Protein backbone atom coordinates (compact mmCIF):
# COMPACT_ATOMS: atom_id res chain seq x y z
CA UNK A 1 -3.79 35.32 -4.47
CA UNK A 2 -2.67 33.24 -7.47
CA UNK A 3 -3.99 29.74 -8.10
CA UNK A 4 -0.58 28.36 -7.21
CA UNK A 5 -0.75 29.58 -3.61
CA UNK A 6 -0.92 26.64 -1.29
CA UNK A 7 -4.08 25.53 0.46
CA UNK A 8 -2.70 25.89 3.96
CA UNK A 9 -1.87 29.57 3.46
CA UNK A 10 -5.29 30.23 1.94
CA UNK A 11 -7.13 28.60 4.83
CA UNK A 12 -4.83 30.19 7.39
CA UNK A 13 -5.60 33.65 6.02
CA UNK A 14 -9.32 32.88 6.12
CA UNK A 15 -9.01 31.68 9.71
CA UNK A 16 -7.08 34.77 10.81
CA UNK A 17 -9.80 36.99 9.38
CA UNK A 18 -12.48 35.00 11.17
CA UNK A 19 -10.57 35.20 14.45
CA UNK A 20 -10.46 38.97 14.16
CA UNK A 21 -14.22 38.95 13.73
CA UNK A 22 -14.62 36.77 16.81
CA UNK A 23 -16.24 34.00 14.76
CA UNK A 24 -14.03 31.06 15.69
CA UNK A 25 -12.84 29.33 18.79
CA UNK A 26 -9.32 27.99 18.98
CA UNK A 27 -9.99 25.69 21.93
CA UNK A 28 -9.30 22.04 21.01
CA UNK A 29 -11.89 19.45 21.93
CA UNK A 30 -11.14 17.17 24.86
CA UNK A 31 -10.36 13.52 24.03
CA UNK A 32 -13.25 11.19 24.72
CA UNK A 33 -13.07 8.04 26.85
CA UNK A 34 -12.87 5.64 23.91
CA UNK A 35 -9.96 7.60 22.44
CA UNK A 36 -8.08 7.48 25.72
CA UNK A 37 -8.65 3.73 26.04
CA UNK A 38 -7.27 3.15 22.54
CA UNK A 39 -4.29 5.38 23.18
CA UNK A 40 -5.15 7.63 20.22
CA UNK A 41 -5.45 11.38 20.61
CA UNK A 42 -7.33 13.71 18.26
CA UNK A 43 -5.11 15.90 16.12
CA UNK A 44 -5.44 19.64 16.57
CA UNK A 45 -6.85 21.08 13.33
CA UNK A 46 -4.40 22.97 11.16
CA UNK A 47 -7.07 24.50 8.92
CA UNK A 48 -10.01 25.14 11.23
CA UNK A 49 -11.67 27.56 8.81
CA UNK A 50 -11.62 25.00 5.98
CA UNK A 51 -13.06 21.70 7.26
CA UNK A 52 -12.67 19.78 3.98
CA UNK A 53 -9.53 17.74 4.60
CA UNK A 54 -7.73 16.22 1.63
CA UNK A 55 -5.80 13.01 1.13
CA UNK A 56 -6.03 9.61 -0.47
CA UNK A 57 -4.31 6.69 -2.13
CA UNK A 58 -2.12 7.65 -5.09
CA UNK A 59 -0.59 5.29 -7.65
CA UNK A 60 -0.25 7.58 -10.70
CA UNK A 61 1.16 10.98 -11.55
CA UNK A 62 3.72 11.05 -8.73
CA UNK A 63 6.91 11.95 -10.57
CA UNK A 64 8.30 14.90 -12.50
CA UNK A 65 6.47 13.71 -15.63
CA UNK A 66 3.43 15.89 -16.29
CA UNK A 67 1.45 12.94 -17.68
CA UNK A 68 -1.36 12.41 -15.14
CA UNK A 69 -1.75 8.71 -15.95
CA UNK A 70 1.93 7.82 -15.70
CA UNK A 71 1.82 4.50 -13.82
CA UNK A 72 4.10 5.58 -11.01
CA UNK A 73 3.54 2.64 -8.66
CA UNK A 74 3.86 0.12 -11.48
CA UNK A 75 7.02 1.80 -12.78
CA UNK A 76 8.55 2.56 -9.39
CA UNK A 77 8.61 6.31 -10.14
CA UNK A 78 9.74 8.28 -7.11
CA UNK A 79 7.56 11.03 -5.68
CA UNK A 80 8.97 14.32 -6.99
CA UNK A 81 10.06 17.09 -4.57
CA UNK A 82 7.38 19.39 -5.99
CA UNK A 83 4.65 16.80 -5.41
CA UNK A 84 5.99 16.06 -1.93
CA UNK A 85 5.79 19.76 -1.10
CA UNK A 86 2.24 19.97 -2.46
CA UNK A 87 1.19 16.98 -0.36
CA UNK A 88 2.59 18.58 2.76
CA UNK A 89 0.81 21.85 2.06
CA UNK A 90 -2.54 20.35 1.15
CA UNK A 91 -3.07 16.83 2.51
CA UNK A 92 -3.62 15.30 5.93
CA UNK A 93 -3.45 11.60 5.00
CA UNK A 94 -1.67 10.03 2.03
CA UNK A 95 -0.91 6.41 1.11
CA UNK A 96 1.79 5.67 -1.49
CA UNK A 97 3.45 2.41 -2.55
CA UNK A 98 6.87 1.95 -0.89
CA UNK A 99 8.63 1.66 -4.26
CA UNK A 100 7.69 5.29 -5.00
CA UNK A 101 9.31 6.62 -1.84
CA UNK A 102 12.75 7.04 -0.33
CA UNK A 103 13.33 6.56 3.40
CA UNK A 104 13.53 10.34 3.74
CA UNK A 105 10.35 11.30 1.84
CA UNK A 106 7.79 11.04 4.63
CA UNK A 107 10.08 12.24 7.46
CA UNK A 108 10.88 15.37 5.43
CA UNK A 109 7.17 16.15 4.92
CA UNK A 110 6.42 15.55 8.58
CA UNK A 111 9.29 17.76 9.70
CA UNK A 112 7.61 20.67 7.92
CA UNK A 113 4.08 19.53 8.80
CA UNK A 114 4.06 17.56 12.08
CA UNK A 115 0.35 16.69 11.86
CA UNK A 116 0.71 14.95 8.49
CA UNK A 117 -0.23 11.23 8.63
CA UNK A 118 1.80 9.15 6.13
CA UNK A 119 0.73 5.63 5.16
CA UNK A 120 2.12 2.97 2.85
CA UNK A 121 -0.05 1.41 0.15
CA UNK A 122 0.48 -2.36 0.17
CA UNK A 123 -1.29 -5.49 -1.01
CA UNK A 124 -2.62 -7.95 1.54
CA UNK A 125 -3.04 -11.05 -0.62
CA UNK A 126 -0.13 -11.07 -3.06
CA UNK A 127 3.66 -11.11 -2.91
CA UNK A 128 6.19 -10.50 -5.68
CA UNK A 129 9.64 -11.91 -6.19
CA UNK A 130 10.53 -8.40 -7.42
CA UNK A 131 11.23 -6.38 -4.26
CA UNK A 132 10.39 -3.13 -6.09
CA UNK A 133 6.96 -4.21 -7.34
CA UNK A 134 3.89 -2.07 -6.68
CA UNK A 135 2.37 -2.51 -3.22
CA UNK A 136 4.79 -5.30 -2.40
CA UNK A 137 5.73 -5.96 1.23
CA UNK A 138 8.76 -7.91 0.00
CA UNK A 139 10.69 -10.71 1.63
CA UNK A 140 10.00 -13.42 -0.95
CA UNK A 141 11.93 -16.66 -0.49
CA UNK A 142 11.32 -20.09 -2.06
CA UNK A 143 9.84 -21.19 1.27
CA UNK A 144 6.94 -18.79 0.61
CA UNK A 145 5.55 -21.26 -1.93
CA UNK A 146 4.06 -23.11 1.03
CA UNK A 147 1.66 -20.19 1.48
CA UNK A 148 0.48 -19.52 -2.08
CA UNK A 149 -3.20 -19.61 -3.04
CA UNK A 150 -4.35 -22.75 -4.80
CA UNK A 151 -7.37 -23.85 -6.83
CA UNK A 152 -9.69 -26.76 -6.12
CA UNK A 153 -7.03 -29.16 -7.49
CA UNK A 154 -4.27 -27.84 -5.26
CA UNK A 155 -2.46 -25.99 -8.06
CA UNK A 156 -1.19 -22.43 -7.60
CA UNK A 157 -3.55 -19.83 -9.07
CA UNK A 158 -1.43 -17.87 -11.58
CA UNK A 159 -0.69 -14.20 -10.95
CA UNK A 160 -1.18 -11.82 -13.93
CA UNK A 161 2.42 -10.52 -13.98
CA UNK A 162 5.70 -12.46 -13.90
CA UNK A 163 7.20 -13.04 -10.47
CA UNK A 164 3.95 -12.39 -8.59
CA UNK A 165 2.07 -14.83 -6.42
CA UNK A 166 -1.40 -14.86 -4.91
CA UNK A 167 -0.98 -15.76 -1.26
CA UNK A 168 -3.30 -17.94 0.80
CA UNK A 169 -5.30 -15.17 2.44
CA UNK A 170 -6.74 -17.49 5.06
CA UNK A 171 -3.29 -18.62 6.19
CA UNK A 172 -2.30 -17.44 9.66
CA UNK A 173 1.36 -18.06 8.76
CA UNK A 174 1.07 -15.73 5.75
CA UNK A 175 -0.65 -13.08 7.88
CA UNK A 176 2.21 -13.21 10.38
CA UNK A 177 4.82 -12.95 7.63
CA UNK A 178 2.95 -9.98 6.14
CA UNK A 179 2.70 -8.30 9.56
CA UNK A 180 6.42 -8.68 10.21
CA UNK A 181 7.30 -7.23 6.81
CA UNK A 182 4.95 -4.28 7.35
CA UNK A 183 6.62 -3.54 10.68
CA UNK A 184 9.95 -3.33 8.87
CA UNK A 185 8.56 -1.13 6.10
CA UNK A 186 6.81 1.44 8.34
CA UNK A 187 10.05 1.79 10.29
CA UNK A 188 12.14 2.08 7.13
CA UNK A 189 9.93 4.74 5.52
CA UNK A 190 8.76 6.64 8.60
CA UNK A 191 5.09 5.77 8.03
CA UNK A 192 2.31 5.55 10.61
CA UNK A 193 0.79 2.45 9.08
CA UNK A 194 -0.59 0.96 5.89
CA UNK A 195 -3.57 0.97 3.60
CA UNK A 196 -4.06 -2.75 3.00
CA UNK A 197 -5.61 -3.39 -0.42
CA UNK A 198 -7.01 -6.61 -1.88
CA UNK A 199 -8.07 -8.29 1.33
CA UNK A 200 -9.67 -11.71 0.88
CA UNK A 201 -13.14 -10.19 0.87
CA UNK A 202 -12.47 -7.57 -1.80
CA UNK A 203 -9.85 -9.15 -4.04
CA UNK A 204 -11.68 -8.90 -7.37
CA UNK A 205 -8.66 -9.74 -9.52
CA UNK A 206 -8.46 -13.50 -9.01
CA UNK A 207 -8.96 -15.35 -12.33
CA UNK A 208 -10.73 -18.27 -10.63
CA UNK A 209 -12.22 -19.33 -7.31
CA UNK A 210 -9.73 -20.51 -4.70
CA UNK A 211 -10.29 -24.08 -3.58
CA UNK A 212 -10.50 -23.21 0.11
CA UNK A 213 -12.67 -20.11 -0.32
CA UNK A 214 -15.39 -20.84 -2.91
CA UNK A 215 -17.91 -18.21 -1.81
CA UNK A 216 -18.35 -14.85 -0.10
CA UNK A 217 -18.97 -16.32 3.34
CA UNK A 218 -15.69 -18.25 3.23
CA UNK A 219 -13.82 -15.13 2.13
CA UNK A 220 -15.45 -13.07 4.87
CA UNK A 221 -14.33 -15.58 7.50
CA UNK A 222 -10.83 -15.69 5.99
CA UNK A 223 -10.69 -11.89 6.17
CA UNK A 224 -11.54 -11.96 9.87
CA UNK A 225 -8.82 -14.54 10.58
CA UNK A 226 -6.31 -12.60 8.51
CA UNK A 227 -7.05 -9.25 10.18
CA UNK A 228 -6.82 -10.82 13.63
CA UNK A 229 -3.49 -12.50 12.85
CA UNK A 230 -1.99 -9.47 11.07
CA UNK A 231 -2.89 -7.14 13.95
CA UNK A 232 0.00 -5.36 15.67
CA UNK A 233 -1.92 -2.88 17.81
CA UNK A 234 0.08 0.16 18.86
CA UNK A 235 2.89 -0.65 16.40
CA UNK A 236 1.28 0.38 13.11
CA UNK A 237 -2.15 1.52 11.95
CA UNK A 238 -4.08 -1.02 9.91
CA UNK A 239 -6.34 0.78 7.40
CA UNK A 240 -7.94 -1.81 5.10
CA UNK A 241 -9.73 -1.37 1.82
CA UNK A 242 -13.34 -1.63 2.98
CA UNK A 243 -15.21 -2.94 -0.08
CA UNK A 244 -17.68 -5.56 1.13
CA UNK A 245 -17.59 -4.48 4.77
CA UNK A 246 -21.24 -3.39 4.62
CA UNK A 247 -22.39 -6.93 3.79
CA UNK A 248 -24.28 -8.93 6.47
CA UNK A 249 -21.97 -10.90 8.75
CA UNK A 250 -24.31 -13.88 8.81
CA UNK A 251 -24.40 -13.90 12.62
CA UNK A 252 -25.03 -11.47 15.50
CA UNK A 253 -22.08 -9.15 16.10
CA UNK A 254 -20.83 -8.00 19.49
CA UNK A 255 -21.86 -4.48 20.53
CA UNK A 256 -18.98 -2.04 19.99
CA UNK A 257 -17.84 0.56 22.55
CA UNK A 258 -20.33 3.38 23.13
CA UNK A 259 -18.37 5.93 21.08
CA UNK A 260 -18.38 3.48 18.15
CA UNK A 261 -22.05 2.54 18.29
CA UNK A 262 -23.62 2.52 14.82
CA UNK A 263 -27.08 0.97 14.47
CA UNK A 264 -26.91 0.62 10.68
CA UNK A 265 -23.72 -1.46 11.01
CA UNK A 266 -25.15 -3.95 13.51
CA UNK A 267 -24.65 -7.58 12.41
CA UNK A 268 -22.56 -6.45 9.45
CA UNK A 269 -18.89 -7.07 8.71
CA UNK A 270 -18.09 -3.50 9.76
CA UNK A 271 -18.82 -4.65 13.33
CA UNK A 272 -17.01 -7.98 12.96
CA UNK A 273 -13.78 -6.34 11.81
CA UNK A 274 -13.89 -3.27 14.07
CA UNK A 275 -11.64 -4.63 16.88
CA UNK A 276 -8.82 -5.41 14.44
CA UNK A 277 -8.56 -2.28 12.29
CA UNK A 278 -7.71 1.39 12.76
CA UNK A 279 -9.92 2.88 10.07
CA UNK A 280 -10.93 2.27 6.50
CA UNK A 281 -10.25 3.25 2.90
CA UNK A 282 -13.69 3.65 1.30
CA UNK A 283 -13.16 4.04 -2.43
CA UNK A 284 -16.89 4.06 -3.19
CA UNK A 285 -17.86 7.08 -1.07
CA UNK A 286 -21.40 8.22 -2.04
CA UNK A 287 -20.79 7.28 -5.70
CA UNK A 288 -18.44 4.45 -6.79
CA UNK A 289 -16.13 5.45 -9.62
CA UNK A 290 -16.67 2.11 -11.36
CA UNK A 291 -20.45 2.55 -11.63
CA UNK A 292 -20.81 6.33 -11.82
CA UNK A 293 -24.13 6.04 -9.99
CA UNK A 294 -24.99 7.18 -6.46
CA UNK A 295 -25.43 4.68 -3.66
CA UNK A 296 -28.90 4.01 -2.29
CA UNK A 297 -30.06 5.89 0.79
CA UNK A 298 -29.53 2.81 2.98
CA UNK A 299 -25.98 2.34 1.66
CA UNK A 300 -25.31 6.05 2.15
CA UNK A 301 -26.39 5.84 5.79
CA UNK A 302 -24.11 2.87 6.46
CA UNK A 303 -21.16 4.82 5.06
CA UNK A 304 -22.07 7.82 7.22
CA UNK A 305 -22.13 5.73 10.38
CA UNK A 306 -18.87 4.00 9.51
CA UNK A 307 -17.19 7.36 8.88
CA UNK A 308 -18.55 8.79 12.15
CA UNK A 309 -17.27 5.73 14.02
CA UNK A 310 -13.68 6.28 12.92
CA UNK A 311 -13.76 10.06 12.88
CA UNK A 312 -15.10 10.29 16.45
CA UNK A 313 -12.37 7.93 17.65
CA UNK A 314 -9.51 9.81 15.94
CA UNK A 315 -8.92 6.91 13.56
CA UNK A 316 -8.42 6.88 9.79
CA UNK A 317 -11.12 7.22 7.17
CA UNK A 318 -10.30 7.96 3.52
CA UNK A 319 -13.45 8.80 1.52
CA UNK A 320 -12.85 8.56 -2.23
CA UNK A 321 -15.91 10.09 -3.88
CA UNK A 322 -16.66 10.11 -7.61
CA UNK A 323 -18.47 12.85 -9.53
CA UNK A 324 -19.26 13.92 -13.09
CA UNK A 325 -20.01 17.58 -12.41
CA UNK A 326 -19.99 20.28 -9.69
CA UNK A 327 -23.39 19.22 -8.33
CA UNK A 328 -22.22 15.66 -7.71
CA UNK A 329 -18.99 16.94 -6.15
CA UNK A 330 -21.02 19.15 -3.82
CA UNK A 331 -23.11 16.11 -2.80
CA UNK A 332 -19.98 14.08 -2.02
CA UNK A 333 -18.39 16.93 -0.06
CA UNK A 334 -21.60 17.81 1.79
CA UNK A 335 -21.90 14.15 2.84
CA UNK A 336 -18.28 14.29 4.02
CA UNK A 337 -18.87 17.48 6.00
CA UNK A 338 -21.75 15.85 7.88
CA UNK A 339 -19.25 13.57 9.63
CA UNK A 340 -16.09 15.73 9.85
CA UNK A 341 -14.84 15.93 13.43
CA UNK A 342 -11.83 18.24 13.61
CA UNK A 343 -9.14 15.60 13.35
CA UNK A 344 -6.62 15.01 10.64
CA UNK A 345 -7.02 11.30 9.98
CA UNK A 346 -10.25 11.87 8.05
CA UNK A 347 -9.69 12.83 4.42
CA UNK A 348 -11.56 13.24 1.13
CA UNK A 349 -10.14 12.07 -2.20
CA UNK A 350 -11.77 13.49 -5.37
CA UNK A 351 -12.45 10.88 -8.08
CA UNK A 352 -13.54 12.87 -11.18
CA UNK A 353 -15.38 11.09 -13.98
CA UNK A 354 -14.82 13.00 -17.20
CA UNK A 355 -15.47 11.91 -20.81
CA UNK A 356 -12.44 10.32 -22.42
CA UNK A 357 -10.64 9.64 -19.13
CA UNK A 358 -10.23 6.36 -17.29
CA UNK A 359 -12.62 6.06 -14.37
CA UNK A 360 -9.86 5.54 -11.79
CA UNK A 361 -8.06 8.75 -12.77
CA UNK A 362 -8.57 10.02 -9.20
CA UNK A 363 -5.68 7.84 -8.07
CA UNK A 364 -3.40 10.28 -9.91
CA UNK A 365 -1.85 12.93 -7.69
CA UNK A 366 -1.50 15.17 -10.73
CA UNK A 367 -5.26 14.98 -11.30
CA UNK A 368 -5.96 15.74 -7.66
CA UNK A 369 -3.85 18.86 -7.89
CA UNK A 370 -5.79 19.97 -10.96
CA UNK A 371 -9.15 19.27 -9.29
CA UNK A 372 -8.25 21.16 -6.13
CA UNK A 373 -7.26 24.13 -8.26
CA UNK A 374 -10.35 23.88 -10.50
CA UNK A 375 -12.75 23.65 -7.55
CA UNK A 376 -10.87 25.75 -5.03
CA UNK A 377 -14.08 27.34 -3.76
CA UNK A 378 -15.40 23.82 -2.95
CA UNK A 379 -12.34 22.40 -1.25
CA UNK A 380 -11.48 25.63 0.59
CA UNK A 381 -14.98 26.68 1.65
CA UNK A 382 -14.48 28.60 4.94
CA UNK A 383 -17.28 27.06 6.98
CA UNK A 384 -15.31 27.17 10.22
CA UNK A 385 -15.82 24.64 12.96
CA UNK A 386 -18.93 22.43 13.24
CA UNK A 387 -21.41 23.49 15.92
CA UNK A 388 -23.49 20.30 16.07
CA UNK A 389 -23.75 16.72 14.87
CA UNK A 390 -25.68 15.81 11.74
CA UNK A 391 -29.41 15.63 12.31
CA UNK A 392 -32.66 15.58 10.37
CA UNK A 393 -34.99 18.56 10.05
CA UNK A 394 -38.37 18.78 8.31
CA UNK A 395 -38.72 20.68 5.06
CA UNK A 396 -41.04 20.79 2.09
CA UNK A 397 -41.08 17.28 0.65
CA UNK A 398 -39.68 15.40 3.63
CA UNK A 399 -36.75 15.28 6.05
CA UNK A 400 -33.31 16.61 5.14
CA UNK A 401 -29.95 16.07 6.84
CA UNK A 402 -28.41 19.27 8.22
CA UNK A 403 -25.31 20.31 10.08
CA UNK A 404 -24.47 23.88 11.04
CA UNK A 405 -20.99 25.37 11.16
CA UNK A 406 -19.71 28.68 12.47
CA UNK A 407 -20.02 30.33 9.08
CA UNK A 408 -22.65 28.32 7.26
CA UNK A 409 -24.61 25.11 6.99
CA UNK A 410 -24.65 21.86 5.04
CA UNK A 411 -27.77 20.09 3.76
CA UNK A 412 -27.92 16.62 2.22
CA UNK A 413 -30.78 14.74 0.57
CA UNK A 414 -29.68 11.09 0.13
CA UNK A 415 -33.22 9.98 -0.77
CA UNK A 416 -33.68 7.71 -3.76
CA UNK A 417 -36.99 9.32 -4.74
CA UNK A 418 -37.84 12.53 -2.88
CA UNK A 419 -37.14 16.10 -4.00
CA UNK A 420 -36.89 18.58 -1.13
CA UNK A 421 -37.33 22.36 -1.04
CA UNK A 422 -35.69 24.58 1.59
CA UNK A 423 -36.64 28.19 2.27
CA UNK A 424 -34.34 30.52 4.23
CA UNK A 425 -35.24 33.60 6.25
CA UNK A 426 -32.19 35.46 4.97
CA UNK A 427 -29.97 35.02 1.90
CA UNK A 428 -27.38 32.24 1.93
CA UNK A 429 -24.35 32.10 -0.35
CA UNK A 430 -23.78 29.03 -2.51
CA UNK A 431 -20.37 27.82 -3.64
CA UNK A 432 -20.83 29.66 -6.95
CA UNK A 433 -21.18 32.88 -4.87
CA UNK A 434 -24.86 33.24 -5.79
CA UNK A 435 -27.16 34.43 -2.99
CA UNK A 436 -30.32 32.38 -2.54
CA UNK A 437 -33.35 32.32 -0.26
CA UNK A 438 -34.53 28.94 -1.53
CA UNK A 439 -32.87 25.79 -2.80
CA UNK A 440 -34.28 22.62 -4.33
CA UNK A 441 -32.51 19.35 -3.54
CA UNK A 442 -33.35 16.50 -5.94
CA UNK A 443 -32.58 12.90 -4.91
CA UNK A 444 -28.89 12.30 -4.12
CA UNK A 445 -27.83 15.93 -3.80
CA UNK A 446 -26.41 18.32 -1.27
CA UNK A 447 -25.75 21.99 -0.66
CA UNK A 448 -22.91 23.77 1.13
CA UNK A 449 -24.01 27.27 2.13
CA UNK A 450 -22.31 30.25 3.76
CA UNK A 451 -24.03 32.88 5.83
CA UNK A 452 -24.06 36.28 4.22
CA UNK A 453 -21.49 38.48 5.92
CA UNK A 454 -22.73 41.65 7.59
CA UNK A 455 -22.45 44.55 5.16
CA UNK A 456 -22.66 42.37 2.01
C-alpha cells in the first residue's frame, strides 16, 4: 500500500483482518443515561481497529498552494478539493474559519462520510467590519459600537488590524448578537457548531487591561456570563478554547452529573462552565506548543479527567499535543488513548515542534498531512477496541497508568520525577516494530504496545 492510500482504507483493511481472526466485536456500546438526557448519542466507530482519531483547528495550508504556512484564514483561501477529500478520509472533527469554506464544502464531505463532525472556527471577543475576516461571525453595523471593549477611561481598546473591534466580552447584549450570528453561520455552512476562540478568560492578545475586567477573577466571571448568554442548547454545539479552565473557580462548584464526575476538576472553572458548553478545544494537550515542555503530573491528570468527561458523554474534545520527537509524540498519543471512548467527537491534533519552524505550525492542514504520513505507524496503530478504563498498576519504581485493548496495551508515566521499569512475560511489539520484554519509562513518557501475533 502506497503512502498516499487514505487512512480509512488502511484501518478498514486492518479491521477486516482482525474480524476474520475473531479478535474484534462489532457491537456498538449502549448510550448511557447522561447521554440520553442530553439528547446526544455516541457515534458508531468507523475505524474500530485504529482508535487514534484525528482532527483539529486549521488556519493555514488549506488551499492548492503547497506552502504549509500560507495564512489561509487570514487570506480567505478556500479549502481545496484535495484537502477536503483528505479531511473526509482521515478526520472525525475539523474546525475551519467560515471565510475558507463555501456553503457546499461541509455538506459534500458529510455526504461521503456521514459521521464527520464539521465545526466553524470563530472568535468570541472580536468583530470585524470586513465580513470575510478570519474567524469573524459578521453582522457589523455602526450600532455595534455600543458593545466594544473599553479601557479604564472609557475609550475603545484598539484592535491590531484595520476594521476590527474588541467586543465587550462581559456584555449580555454582545453574547446574544454573537449567538444569533452563529446560528445563521452554522445553517449557512452545514456545520454542527463552533470552536469559540479568544473567550474573555483566554484572550491573550489585548494590548491593555479592559476597564471593567482588570484581573483574572473578573475575566472568569465575564466568561461564565458570556457562555450562559451565548448558549443555544440543541441548536449548535459550543466548543470553547479551554485555556484557563483548569484554574480555581474561587468558590465551591456544583457537583456535575454522575457520568461527568471528575474529582480533579472540583471547584475549578471546568466545573463552573460545564453546563454551558458541549466540549473543549485543548491546545495545550500534555505539552503546550508555546512552551515545548510537558505539563506537570497534576495538570496532566486534570486534562485526563476533562477529556474523559466529554468523551464519555459523546461530546467534543480536541486534544492538540506538541512534540519534538517520536518519543514525545508517543507520550501524547498514549495519553490520548487512555481516554478514547469509541466516539467520533474526540480527536487528536499533532503539533510538531521542529527546528526552524514556527511553533504553531500544527494549525496547518498541510503539515498535518505530512505528519500523518511520516508517523503512519503511530496514527494507524491497530490496537482495536479498548477493553477497560485507564487504571494504575504497580511496577518497578512506582505506579503506572495502563489501559488494555484487544490487540495491545498502553502505558503512561506522567510523573515529574519517577522512572518506571516494566517487565513482560512475553514479547510486545513497539511502534518501531521492535519486540521487547522490558521497557523503561522516564518521567513524562508513554508506550503503545501490540501483542505479538501467533506465529510471529
